C-alpha cells in the first residue's frame, strides 16, 4: 500500500504499525520522535497498536533544544 512519510511517497506492506515503520525507516532514537498521522498526534504508547492504512500521511517530528542558555539584555536609559 502507499502512504506519505515526511512528504515523500512510500510503498509499505499491509499490517504495518507505527513502531514497525520506525524500524523499517531506520529511525535513530525512536524514543525521541513524535509521530503525526493524518494531522493528529499519535500517543507513543499506541505506536505498536496503531496500524497504517493506504493514503495515510505520516510525519516524524523531532524536537530539539539548543542554545547555551545565555541571553542578551539591552538596557534602555
Foldseek 3Di string as FASTA:
>chain_A
DWEAEQNHIDDDDFFAFQVNVCVVVVPPPPVQKWKDKPNHTDPPVCRVVHTDDPHIYMYIDGDDDDDDPDDDDDDDD
